[in-house]
Amino acid sequence: MNEAPALVRLQALSTRLDTLLASVHRLEQENRSLRAEQQQLRDERTDLKARSDQAKARVEALILRLRMLEDRA
């Protein structure tokens, strides 16, 4: 008769363990997904920074040309 409560507790622990393992697998997958998204955002940021720097250089070159034309006039 003492085995019944122990068996119930063991089954409850087993169920809890299954739940925890499922949570671990879900969190691992979510973590992988978030890391991939984070890398994608880093790459996008790097690309946008490069494009911004190029645009800035072109604007600065145009300003310089305009100043040179203004000085000639």
N, C-alpha and C. Protein backbone atom coordinates (compact mmCIF):
# COMPACT_ATOMS: atom_id res chain seq x y z
N MET A 1 0.81 -1.20 0.00
CA MET A 1 0.00 0.00 0.00
C MET A 1 0.85 1.26 0.00
N ASN A 2 2.04 1.22 0.53
CA ASN A 2 2.91 2.39 0.53
C ASN A 2 3.46 2.70 -0.85
N GLU A 3 3.38 1.73 -1.74
CA GLU A 3 3.91 1.94 -3.08
C GLU A 3 3.02 2.87 -3.90
N ALA A 4 1.74 2.93 -3.64
CA ALA A 4 0.82 3.75 -4.42
C ALA A 4 1.17 5.23 -4.34
N PRO A 5 1.35 5.81 -3.13
CA PRO A 5 1.71 7.23 -3.08
C PRO A 5 3.07 7.51 -3.74
N ALA A 6 4.00 6.59 -3.58
CA ALA A 6 5.32 6.77 -4.20
C ALA A 6 5.19 6.72 -5.72
N LEU A 7 4.36 5.82 -6.21
CA LEU A 7 4.15 5.71 -7.66
C LEU A 7 3.48 6.97 -8.20
N VAL A 8 2.54 7.50 -7.47
CA VAL A 8 1.86 8.74 -7.88
C VAL A 8 2.86 9.88 -7.92
N ARG A 9 3.71 9.96 -6.89
CA ARG A 9 4.73 11.03 -6.87
C ARG A 9 5.72 10.86 -8.01
N LEU A 10 6.10 9.62 -8.29
CA LEU A 10 7.03 9.35 -9.38
C LEU A 10 6.40 9.73 -10.73
N GLN A 11 5.14 9.41 -10.91
CA GLN A 11 4.46 9.79 -12.14
C GLN A 11 4.35 11.31 -12.26
N ALA A 12 4.08 11.97 -11.15
CA ALA A 12 4.00 13.44 -11.16
C ALA A 12 5.36 14.04 -11.51
N LEU A 13 6.42 13.48 -10.94
CA LEU A 13 7.77 13.96 -11.26
C LEU A 13 8.11 13.70 -12.73
N SER A 14 7.72 12.57 -13.23
CA SER A 14 7.96 12.24 -14.62
C SER A 14 7.22 13.22 -15.54
N THR A 15 5.99 13.53 -15.22
CA THR A 15 5.21 14.49 -15.99
C THR A 15 5.87 15.86 -15.93
N ARG A 16 6.30 16.25 -14.75
CA ARG A 16 6.96 17.55 -14.58
C ARG A 16 8.26 17.60 -15.39
N LEU A 17 9.01 16.50 -15.36
CA LEU A 17 10.26 16.43 -16.12
C LEU A 17 9.99 16.55 -17.62
N ASP A 18 8.97 15.86 -18.10
CA ASP A 18 8.60 15.97 -19.51
C ASP A 18 8.26 17.40 -19.88
N THR A 19 7.52 18.07 -19.00
CA THR A 19 7.14 19.47 -19.23
C THR A 19 8.37 20.36 -19.27
N LEU A 20 9.27 20.14 -18.35
CA LEU A 20 10.50 20.94 -18.31
C LEU A 20 11.37 20.69 -19.54
N LEU A 21 11.47 19.43 -19.96
CA LEU A 21 12.26 19.13 -21.16
C LEU A 21 11.65 19.78 -22.39
N ALA A 22 10.34 19.76 -22.49
CA ALA A 22 9.68 20.42 -23.62
C ALA A 22 9.96 21.92 -23.59
N SER A 23 9.96 22.50 -22.39
CA SER A 23 10.25 23.93 -22.26
C SER A 23 11.69 24.22 -22.67
N VAL A 24 12.61 23.36 -22.28
CA VAL A 24 14.02 23.54 -22.64
C VAL A 24 14.18 23.50 -24.15
N HIS A 25 13.55 22.53 -24.79
CA HIS A 25 13.66 22.42 -26.26
C HIS A 25 13.04 23.64 -26.94
N ARG A 26 11.91 24.09 -26.44
CA ARG A 26 11.26 25.27 -27.02
C ARG A 26 12.15 26.50 -26.85
N LEU A 27 12.74 26.66 -25.66
CA LEU A 27 13.61 27.81 -25.40
C LEU A 27 14.90 27.75 -26.22
N GLU A 28 15.43 26.54 -26.42
CA GLU A 28 16.62 26.41 -27.26
C GLU A 28 16.32 26.84 -28.68
N GLN A 29 15.17 26.40 -29.21
CA GLN A 29 14.78 26.78 -30.56
C GLN A 29 14.56 28.29 -30.65
N GLU A 30 13.89 28.84 -29.66
CA GLU A 30 13.66 30.29 -29.64
C GLU A 30 14.98 31.05 -29.57
N ASN A 31 15.90 30.53 -28.79
CA ASN A 31 17.22 31.16 -28.66
C ASN A 31 17.96 31.13 -30.00
N ARG A 32 17.92 29.99 -30.70
CA ARG A 32 18.56 29.91 -32.01
C ARG A 32 17.94 30.90 -32.97
N SER A 33 16.63 30.98 -32.94
CA SER A 33 15.92 31.89 -33.83
C SER A 33 16.28 33.35 -33.53
N LEU A 34 16.33 33.69 -32.26
CA LEU A 34 16.67 35.06 -31.87
C LEU A 34 18.11 35.40 -32.22
N ARG A 35 19.00 34.44 -32.06
CA ARG A 35 20.41 34.69 -32.43
C ARG A 35 20.55 34.90 -33.93
N ALA A 36 19.82 34.13 -34.72
CA ALA A 36 19.85 34.31 -36.17
C ALA A 36 19.29 35.68 -36.55
N GLU A 37 18.20 36.05 -35.90
CA GLU A 37 17.61 37.37 -36.18
C GLU A 37 18.56 38.49 -35.77
N GLN A 38 19.21 38.31 -34.64
CA GLN A 38 20.17 39.30 -34.17
C GLN A 38 21.32 39.46 -35.17
N GLN A 39 21.82 38.35 -35.70
CA GLN A 39 22.90 38.42 -36.69
C GLN A 39 22.42 39.10 -37.95
N GLN A 40 21.21 38.79 -38.37
CA GLN A 40 20.65 39.42 -39.56
C GLN A 40 20.54 40.94 -39.36
N LEU A 41 20.11 41.35 -38.18
CA LEU A 41 20.01 42.78 -37.89
C LEU A 41 21.37 43.45 -37.84
N ARG A 42 22.36 42.73 -37.31
CA ARG A 42 23.73 43.27 -37.31
C ARG A 42 24.23 43.48 -38.74
N ASP A 43 23.99 42.47 -39.58
CA ASP A 43 24.41 42.57 -40.97
C ASP A 43 23.71 43.73 -41.67
N GLU A 44 22.42 43.85 -41.41
CA GLU A 44 21.65 44.95 -42.01
C GLU A 44 22.17 46.30 -41.53
N ARG A 45 22.49 46.39 -40.24
CA ARG A 45 23.03 47.63 -39.69
C ARG A 45 24.35 47.98 -40.34
N THR A 46 25.20 46.99 -40.52
CA THR A 46 26.50 47.22 -41.17
C THR A 46 26.31 47.73 -42.59
N ASP A 47 25.38 47.11 -43.32
CA ASP A 47 25.10 47.54 -44.69
C ASP A 47 24.56 48.97 -44.71
N LEU A 48 23.61 49.27 -43.82
CA LEU A 48 23.04 50.62 -43.78
C LEU A 48 24.09 51.66 -43.40
N LYS A 49 24.99 51.30 -42.49
CA LYS A 49 26.06 52.22 -42.09
C LYS A 49 26.96 52.51 -43.29
N ALA A 50 27.31 51.48 -44.03
CA ALA A 50 28.16 51.66 -45.21
C ALA A 50 27.47 52.55 -46.24
N ARG A 51 26.18 52.28 -46.47
CA ARG A 51 25.44 53.09 -47.44
C ARG A 51 25.32 54.53 -46.96
N SER A 52 25.13 54.72 -45.67
CA SER A 52 25.04 56.06 -45.11
C SER A 52 26.36 56.80 -45.26
N ASP A 53 27.45 56.10 -45.00
CA ASP A 53 28.77 56.71 -45.15
C ASP A 53 29.03 57.11 -46.61
N GLN A 54 28.60 56.26 -47.55
CA GLN A 54 28.77 56.58 -48.97
C GLN A 54 27.95 57.81 -49.35
N ALA A 55 26.71 57.85 -48.85
CA ALA A 55 25.85 59.00 -49.16
C ALA A 55 26.43 60.26 -48.56
N LYS A 56 26.95 60.17 -47.35
CA LYS A 56 27.57 61.32 -46.70
C LYS A 56 28.76 61.83 -47.51
N ALA A 57 29.58 60.89 -47.99
CA ALA A 57 30.74 61.28 -48.79
C ALA A 57 30.31 61.97 -50.07
N ARG A 58 29.25 61.46 -50.72
CA ARG A 58 28.76 62.10 -51.95
C ARG A 58 28.22 63.50 -51.67
N VAL A 59 27.50 63.66 -50.58
CA VAL A 59 26.95 64.98 -50.23
C VAL A 59 28.09 65.95 -49.93
N GLU A 60 29.08 65.49 -49.18
CA GLU A 60 30.22 66.35 -48.87
C GLU A 60 30.97 66.75 -50.15
N ALA A 61 31.09 65.82 -51.09
CA ALA A 61 31.75 66.13 -52.36
C ALA A 61 30.94 67.15 -53.15
N LEU A 62 29.62 67.02 -53.14
CA LEU A 62 28.78 68.00 -53.83
C LEU A 62 28.88 69.37 -53.19
N ILE A 63 28.91 69.41 -51.89
CA ILE A 63 29.05 70.69 -51.19
C ILE A 63 30.38 71.34 -51.55
N LEU A 64 31.42 70.55 -51.57
CA LEU A 64 32.74 71.07 -51.94
C LEU A 64 32.73 71.62 -53.37
N ARG A 65 32.11 70.89 -54.28
CA ARG A 65 32.03 71.37 -55.67
C ARG A 65 31.22 72.66 -55.75
N LEU A 66 30.12 72.74 -55.01
CA LEU A 66 29.32 73.96 -55.01
C LEU A 66 30.10 75.14 -54.46
N ARG A 67 30.87 74.91 -53.42
CA ARG A 67 31.69 75.99 -52.86
C ARG A 67 32.75 76.45 -53.85
N MET A 68 33.32 75.46 -54.56
CA MET A 68 34.33 75.83 -55.57
C MET A 68 33.69 76.63 -56.69
N LEU A 69 32.50 76.25 -57.12
CA LEU A 69 31.80 77.01 -58.17
C LEU A 69 31.43 78.39 -57.67
N GLU A 70 31.03 78.48 -56.43
CA GLU A 70 30.66 79.77 -55.84
C GLU A 70 31.88 80.69 -55.76
N ASP A 71 33.03 80.13 -55.39
CA ASP A 71 34.25 80.93 -55.30
C ASP A 71 34.67 81.46 -56.68
N ARG A 72 34.41 80.71 -57.74
CA ARG A 72 34.76 81.14 -59.10
C ARG A 72 33.86 82.25 -59.58
N ALA A 73 32.66 82.27 -59.09
CA ALA A 73 31.68 83.26 -59.59
C ALA A 73 31.87 84.63 -59.01
